[in-house]
């Protein structure tokens, strides 16, 4: 098996957990054969948003098809 990794950043106005879920949900909707996700970094944007925006940078690994 050969895997490819990509980085996604999920966002949420409520929590880091929801930000991670946002990225994972998007990966599952747009990629096939997703095997695992690693949470790399978390941050909160406060400068250009009305309230807080929780962000989670994740690495998504998926198997490449033959």
PDB file of N, CA and C in Angstrom:
ATOM      1  N   UNK A   1       0.836  -1.183   0.000  1.00  0.00           N
ATOM      2  CA  UNK A   1       0.000   0.000   0.000  1.00  0.00           C
ATOM      3  C   UNK A   1       0.880   1.245   0.000  1.00  0.00           C
ATOM      4  N   UNK A   2       0.415   2.265  -0.684  1.00  0.00           N
ATOM      5  CA  UNK A   2       1.085   3.554  -0.705  1.00  0.00           C
ATOM      6  C   UNK A   2       0.076   4.596  -0.252  1.00  0.00           C
ATOM      7  N   UNK A   3       0.534   5.475   0.649  1.00  0.00           N
ATOM      8  CA  UNK A   3      -0.331   6.509   1.195  1.00  0.00           C
ATOM      9  C   UNK A   3       0.165   7.884   0.783  1.00  0.00           C
ATOM     10  N   UNK A   4      -0.748   8.818   0.734  1.00  0.00           N
ATOM     11  CA  UNK A   4      -0.416  10.220   0.512  1.00  0.00           C
ATOM     12  C   UNK A   4      -0.931  10.995   1.707  1.00  0.00           C
ATOM     13  N   UNK A   5      -0.185  12.026   2.106  1.00  0.00           N
ATOM     14  CA  UNK A   5      -0.607  12.881   3.211  1.00  0.00           C
ATOM     15  C   UNK A   5      -0.849  14.297   2.694  1.00  0.00           C
ATOM     16  N   UNK A   6      -1.914  14.903   3.207  1.00  0.00           N
ATOM     17  CA  UNK A   6      -2.197  16.301   2.905  1.00  0.00           C
ATOM     18  C   UNK A   6      -2.509  17.015   4.216  1.00  0.00           C
ATOM     19  N   UNK A   7      -2.388  18.322   4.198  1.00  0.00           N
ATOM     20  CA  UNK A   7      -2.692  19.121   5.377  1.00  0.00           C
ATOM     21  C   UNK A   7      -3.984  19.889   5.144  1.00  0.00           C
ATOM     22  N   UNK A   8      -4.869  19.831   6.123  1.00  0.00           N
ATOM     23  CA  UNK A   8      -6.115  20.590   6.102  1.00  0.00           C
ATOM     24  C   UNK A   8      -6.211  21.413   7.378  1.00  0.00           C
ATOM     25  N   UNK A   9      -6.944  22.520   7.312  1.00  0.00           N
ATOM     26  CA  UNK A   9      -7.197  23.324   8.500  1.00  0.00           C
ATOM     27  C   UNK A   9      -8.706  23.451   8.661  1.00  0.00           C
ATOM     28  N   UNK A  10      -9.215  22.870   9.740  1.00  0.00           N
ATOM     29  CA  UNK A  10     -10.629  22.966  10.062  1.00  0.00           C
ATOM     30  C   UNK A  10     -10.864  24.150  10.980  1.00  0.00           C
ATOM     31  N   UNK A  11     -12.075  24.707  10.922  1.00  0.00           N
ATOM     32  CA  UNK A  11     -12.394  25.858  11.761  1.00  0.00           C
ATOM     33  C   UNK A  11     -13.728  25.657  12.469  1.00  0.00           C
ATOM     34  N   UNK A  12     -13.873  26.368  13.578  1.00  0.00           N
ATOM     35  CA  UNK A  12     -15.122  26.333  14.341  1.00  0.00           C
ATOM     36  C   UNK A  12     -15.205  27.585  15.195  1.00  0.00           C
ATOM     37  N   UNK A  13     -16.394  28.051  15.410  1.00  0.00           N
ATOM     38  CA  UNK A  13     -16.613  29.162  16.320  1.00  0.00           C
ATOM     39  C   UNK A  13     -16.790  28.719  17.747  1.00  0.00           C
ATOM     40  N   UNK A  14     -16.775  27.387  17.978  1.00  0.00           N
ATOM     41  CA  UNK A  14     -17.089  26.873  19.313  1.00  0.00           C
ATOM     42  C   UNK A  14     -15.935  26.199  20.042  1.00  0.00           C
ATOM     43  N   UNK A  15     -15.166  25.336  19.339  1.00  0.00           N
ATOM     44  CA  UNK A  15     -14.161  24.557  20.071  1.00  0.00           C
ATOM     45  C   UNK A  15     -13.131  23.959  19.116  1.00  0.00           C
ATOM     46  N   UNK A  16     -12.005  23.517  19.713  1.00  0.00           N
ATOM     47  CA  UNK A  16     -10.991  22.811  18.946  1.00  0.00           C
ATOM     48  C   UNK A  16     -11.529  21.477  18.437  1.00  0.00           C
ATOM     49  N   UNK A  17     -12.316  20.778  19.269  1.00  0.00           N
ATOM     50  CA  UNK A  17     -12.881  19.492  18.844  1.00  0.00           C
ATOM     51  C   UNK A  17     -13.706  19.650  17.572  1.00  0.00           C
ATOM     52  N   UNK A  18     -14.529  20.687  17.529  1.00  0.00           N
ATOM     53  CA  UNK A  18     -15.352  20.911  16.338  1.00  0.00           C
ATOM     54  C   UNK A  18     -14.496  21.308  15.136  1.00  0.00           C
ATOM     55  N   UNK A  19     -13.397  22.013  15.382  1.00  0.00           N
ATOM     56  CA  UNK A  19     -12.493  22.376  14.289  1.00  0.00           C
ATOM     57  C   UNK A  19     -11.848  21.126  13.687  1.00  0.00           C
ATOM     58  N   UNK A  20     -11.437  20.193  14.542  1.00  0.00           N
ATOM     59  CA  UNK A  20     -10.885  18.923  14.060  1.00  0.00           C
ATOM     60  C   UNK A  20     -11.957  18.160  13.286  1.00  0.00           C
ATOM     61  N   UNK A  21     -13.160  18.081  13.841  1.00  0.00           N
ATOM     62  CA  UNK A  21     -14.254  17.394  13.160  1.00  0.00           C
ATOM     63  C   UNK A  21     -14.537  18.016  11.798  1.00  0.00           C
ATOM     64  N   UNK A  22     -14.445  19.337  11.697  1.00  0.00           N
ATOM     65  CA  UNK A  22     -14.664  20.031  10.435  1.00  0.00           C
ATOM     66  C   UNK A  22     -13.679  19.540   9.376  1.00  0.00           C
ATOM     67  N   UNK A  23     -12.407  19.450   9.744  1.00  0.00           N
ATOM     68  CA  UNK A  23     -11.390  18.983   8.796  1.00  0.00           C
ATOM     69  C   UNK A  23     -11.591  17.514   8.435  1.00  0.00           C
ATOM     70  N   UNK A  24     -11.887  16.686   9.425  1.00  0.00           N
ATOM     71  CA  UNK A  24     -12.079  15.252   9.180  1.00  0.00           C
ATOM     72  C   UNK A  24     -13.311  15.024   8.305  1.00  0.00           C
ATOM     73  N   UNK A  25     -14.398  15.733   8.601  1.00  0.00           N
ATOM     74  CA  UNK A  25     -15.613  15.583   7.788  1.00  0.00           C
ATOM     75  C   UNK A  25     -15.348  15.947   6.333  1.00  0.00           C
ATOM     76  N   UNK A  26     -14.611  17.023   6.134  1.00  0.00           N
ATOM     77  CA  UNK A  26     -14.311  17.456   4.760  1.00  0.00           C
ATOM     78  C   UNK A  26     -13.433  16.432   4.043  1.00  0.00           C
ATOM     79  N   UNK A  27     -12.459  15.894   4.758  1.00  0.00           N
ATOM     80  CA  UNK A  27     -11.594  14.876   4.164  1.00  0.00           C
ATOM     81  C   UNK A  27     -12.412  13.660   3.740  1.00  0.00           C
ATOM     82  N   UNK A  28     -13.310  13.219   4.604  1.00  0.00           N
ATOM     83  CA  UNK A  28     -14.118  12.039   4.277  1.00  0.00           C
ATOM     84  C   UNK A  28     -15.083  12.301   3.130  1.00  0.00           C
ATOM     85  N   UNK A  29     -15.524  13.544   2.954  1.00  0.00           N
ATOM     86  CA  UNK A  29     -16.430  13.882   1.857  1.00  0.00           C
ATOM     87  C   UNK A  29     -15.722  13.949   0.517  1.00  0.00           C
ATOM     88  N   UNK A  30     -14.451  14.346   0.520  1.00  0.00           N
ATOM     89  CA  UNK A  30     -13.769  14.627  -0.741  1.00  0.00           C
ATOM     90  C   UNK A  30     -12.669  13.641  -1.112  1.00  0.00           C
ATOM     91  N   UNK A  31     -12.260  12.797  -0.178  1.00  0.00           N
ATOM     92  CA  UNK A  31     -11.199  11.832  -0.446  1.00  0.00           C
ATOM     93  C   UNK A  31     -11.709  10.417  -0.238  1.00  0.00           C
ATOM     94  N   UNK A  32     -11.099   9.483  -0.935  1.00  0.00           N
ATOM     95  CA  UNK A  32     -11.418   8.078  -0.721  1.00  0.00           C
ATOM     96  C   UNK A  32     -10.270   7.414   0.025  1.00  0.00           C
ATOM     97  N   UNK A  33     -10.578   6.366   0.738  1.00  0.00           N
ATOM     98  CA  UNK A  33      -9.577   5.552   1.431  1.00  0.00           C
ATOM     99  C   UNK A  33      -8.816   6.305   2.524  1.00  0.00           C
ATOM    100  N   UNK A  34      -9.519   7.175   3.272  1.00  0.00           N
ATOM    101  CA  UNK A  34      -8.884   7.882   4.384  1.00  0.00           C
ATOM    102  C   UNK A  34      -8.617   6.872   5.494  1.00  0.00           C
ATOM    103  N   UNK A  35      -7.363   6.827   5.949  1.00  0.00           N
ATOM    104  CA  UNK A  35      -6.968   5.856   6.964  1.00  0.00           C
ATOM    105  C   UNK A  35      -6.763   6.472   8.337  1.00  0.00           C
ATOM    106  N   UNK A  36      -6.109   7.646   8.407  1.00  0.00           N
ATOM    107  CA  UNK A  36      -5.909   8.261   9.709  1.00  0.00           C
ATOM    108  C   UNK A  36      -5.723   9.764   9.556  1.00  0.00           C
ATOM    109  N   UNK A  37      -5.881  10.437  10.709  1.00  0.00           N
ATOM    110  CA  UNK A  37      -5.692  11.879  10.783  1.00  0.00           C
ATOM    111  C   UNK A  37      -4.824  12.171  11.999  1.00  0.00           C
ATOM    112  N   UNK A  38      -3.833  13.031  11.829  1.00  0.00           N
ATOM    113  CA  UNK A  38      -2.983  13.467  12.936  1.00  0.00           C
ATOM    114  C   UNK A  38      -3.250  14.951  13.181  1.00  0.00           C
ATOM    115  N   UNK A  39      -3.515  15.319  14.428  1.00  0.00           N
ATOM    116  CA  UNK A  39      -3.695  16.729  14.765  1.00  0.00           C
ATOM    117  C   UNK A  39      -2.305  17.320  14.991  1.00  0.00           C
ATOM    118  N   UNK A  40      -1.947  18.318  14.181  1.00  0.00           N
ATOM    119  CA  UNK A  40      -0.609  18.891  14.226  1.00  0.00           C
ATOM    120  C   UNK A  40      -0.536  20.140  15.103  1.00  0.00           C
ATOM    121  N   UNK A  41      -1.438  21.072  14.874  1.00  0.00           N
ATOM    122  CA  UNK A  41      -1.405  22.331  15.603  1.00  0.00           C
ATOM    123  C   UNK A  41      -2.816  22.822  15.846  1.00  0.00           C
ATOM    124  N   UNK A  42      -2.962  23.642  16.885  1.00  0.00           N
ATOM    125  CA  UNK A  42      -4.236  24.292  17.167  1.00  0.00           C
ATOM    126  C   UNK A  42      -3.966  25.760  17.436  1.00  0.00           C
ATOM    127  N   UNK A  43      -4.903  26.597  17.021  1.00  0.00           N
ATOM    128  CA  UNK A  43      -4.753  28.026  17.249  1.00  0.00           C
ATOM    129  C   UNK A  43      -6.117  28.691  17.306  1.00  0.00           C
ATOM    130  N   UNK A  44      -6.120  29.917  17.775  1.00  0.00           N
ATOM    131  CA  UNK A  44      -7.349  30.693  17.852  1.00  0.00           C
ATOM    132  C   UNK A  44      -7.111  32.025  17.163  1.00  0.00           C
ATOM    133  N   UNK A  45      -7.918  32.309  16.146  1.00  0.00           N
ATOM    134  CA  UNK A  45      -7.827  33.599  15.476  1.00  0.00           C
ATOM    135  C   UNK A  45      -8.735  34.579  16.197  1.00  0.00           C
ATOM    136  N   UNK A  46      -8.218  35.740  16.510  1.00  0.00           N
ATOM    137  CA  UNK A  46      -9.023  36.745  17.220  1.00  0.00           C
ATOM    138  C   UNK A  46      -9.010  38.101  16.513  1.00  0.00           C
ATOM    139  N   UNK A  47      -8.091  38.300  15.572  1.00  0.00           N
ATOM    140  CA  UNK A  47      -7.895  39.616  14.970  1.00  0.00           C
ATOM    141  C   UNK A  47      -8.972  39.997  13.961  1.00  0.00           C
ATOM    142  N   UNK A  48      -9.298  39.124  13.041  1.00  0.00           N
ATOM    143  CA  UNK A  48     -10.180  39.519  11.939  1.00  0.00           C
ATOM    144  C   UNK A  48     -11.549  38.847  11.986  1.00  0.00           C
ATOM    145  N   UNK A  49     -11.917  38.326  13.134  1.00  0.00           N
ATOM    146  CA  UNK A  49     -13.223  37.684  13.277  1.00  0.00           C
ATOM    147  C   UNK A  49     -14.001  38.371  14.396  1.00  0.00           C
ATOM    148  N   UNK A  50     -15.314  38.261  14.315  1.00  0.00           N
ATOM    149  CA  UNK A  50     -16.165  38.925  15.301  1.00  0.00           C
ATOM    150  C   UNK A  50     -15.956  38.357  16.698  1.00  0.00           C
ATOM    151  N   UNK A  51     -15.893  37.065  16.791  1.00  0.00           N
ATOM    152  CA  UNK A  51     -15.659  36.388  18.063  1.00  0.00           C
ATOM    153  C   UNK A  51     -14.353  35.605  17.914  1.00  0.00           C
ATOM    154  N   UNK A  52     -14.241  34.470  18.499  1.00  0.00           N
ATOM    155  CA  UNK A  52     -13.056  33.626  18.328  1.00  0.00           C
ATOM    156  C   UNK A  52     -13.303  32.588  17.245  1.00  0.00           C
ATOM    157  N   UNK A  53     -12.246  32.246  16.504  1.00  0.00           N
ATOM    158  CA  UNK A  53     -12.325  31.164  15.530  1.00  0.00           C
ATOM    159  C   UNK A  53     -11.255  30.144  15.894  1.00  0.00           C
ATOM    160  N   UNK A  54     -11.704  28.974  16.323  1.00  0.00           N
ATOM    161  CA  UNK A  54     -10.787  27.890  16.669  1.00  0.00           C
ATOM    162  C   UNK A  54     -10.344  27.212  15.382  1.00  0.00           C
ATOM    163  N   UNK A  55      -9.047  26.950  15.285  1.00  0.00           N
ATOM    164  CA  UNK A  55      -8.492  26.325  14.093  1.00  0.00           C
ATOM    165  C   UNK A  55      -7.671  25.102  14.482  1.00  0.00           C
ATOM    166  N   UNK A  56      -7.805  24.052  13.689  1.00  0.00           N
ATOM    167  CA  UNK A  56      -7.029  22.832  13.907  1.00  0.00           C
ATOM    168  C   UNK A  56      -6.385  22.431  12.591  1.00  0.00           C
ATOM    169  N   UNK A  57      -5.056  22.374  12.591  1.00  0.00           N
ATOM    170  CA  UNK A  57      -4.322  21.913  11.421  1.00  0.00           C
ATOM    171  C   UNK A  57      -4.111  20.414  11.567  1.00  0.00           C
ATOM    172  N   UNK A  58      -4.575  19.662  10.580  1.00  0.00           N
ATOM    173  CA  UNK A  58      -4.480  18.208  10.650  1.00  0.00           C
ATOM    174  C   UNK A  58      -3.800  17.665   9.402  1.00  0.00           C
ATOM    175  N   UNK A  59      -3.122  16.551   9.565  1.00  0.00           N
ATOM    176  CA  UNK A  59      -2.549  15.825   8.432  1.00  0.00           C
ATOM    177  C   UNK A  59      -3.424  14.601   8.197  1.00  0.00           C
ATOM    178  N   UNK A  60      -3.902  14.479   6.969  1.00  0.00           N
ATOM    179  CA  UNK A  60      -4.796  13.381   6.590  1.00  0.00           C
ATOM    180  C   UNK A  60      -4.016  12.420   5.705  1.00  0.00           C
ATOM    181  N   UNK A  61      -4.063  11.142   6.049  1.00  0.00           N
ATOM    182  CA  UNK A  61      -3.404  10.124   5.241  1.00  0.00           C
ATOM    183  C   UNK A  61      -4.461   9.257   4.556  1.00  0.00           C
ATOM    184  N   UNK A  62      -4.280   9.069   3.256  1.00  0.00           N
ATOM    185  CA  UNK A  62      -5.212   8.218   2.514  1.00  0.00           C
ATOM    186  C   UNK A  62      -4.436   7.339   1.551  1.00  0.00           C
ATOM    187  N   UNK A  63      -4.990   6.168   1.291  1.00  0.00           N
ATOM    188  CA  UNK A  63      -4.329   5.199   0.420  1.00  0.00           C
ATOM    189  C   UNK A  63      -4.564   5.567  -1.046  1.00  0.00           C
ATOM    190  N   UNK A  64      -3.501   5.521  -1.828  1.00  0.00           N
ATOM    191  CA  UNK A  64      -3.619   5.742  -3.261  1.00  0.00           C
ATOM    192  C   UNK A  64      -4.090   4.464  -3.932  1.00  0.00           C
ATOM    193  N   UNK A  65      -4.974   4.623  -4.899  1.00  0.00           N
ATOM    194  CA  UNK A  65      -5.482   3.464  -5.621  1.00  0.00           C
ATOM    195  C   UNK A  65      -4.456   3.007  -6.648  1.00  0.00           C
ATOM    196  N   UNK A  66      -4.513   1.714  -6.988  1.00  0.00           N
ATOM    197  CA  UNK A  66      -3.602   1.161  -7.989  1.00  0.00           C
ATOM    198  C   UNK A  66      -3.958   1.658  -9.369  1.00  0.00           C
TER     199      UNK A  66
END
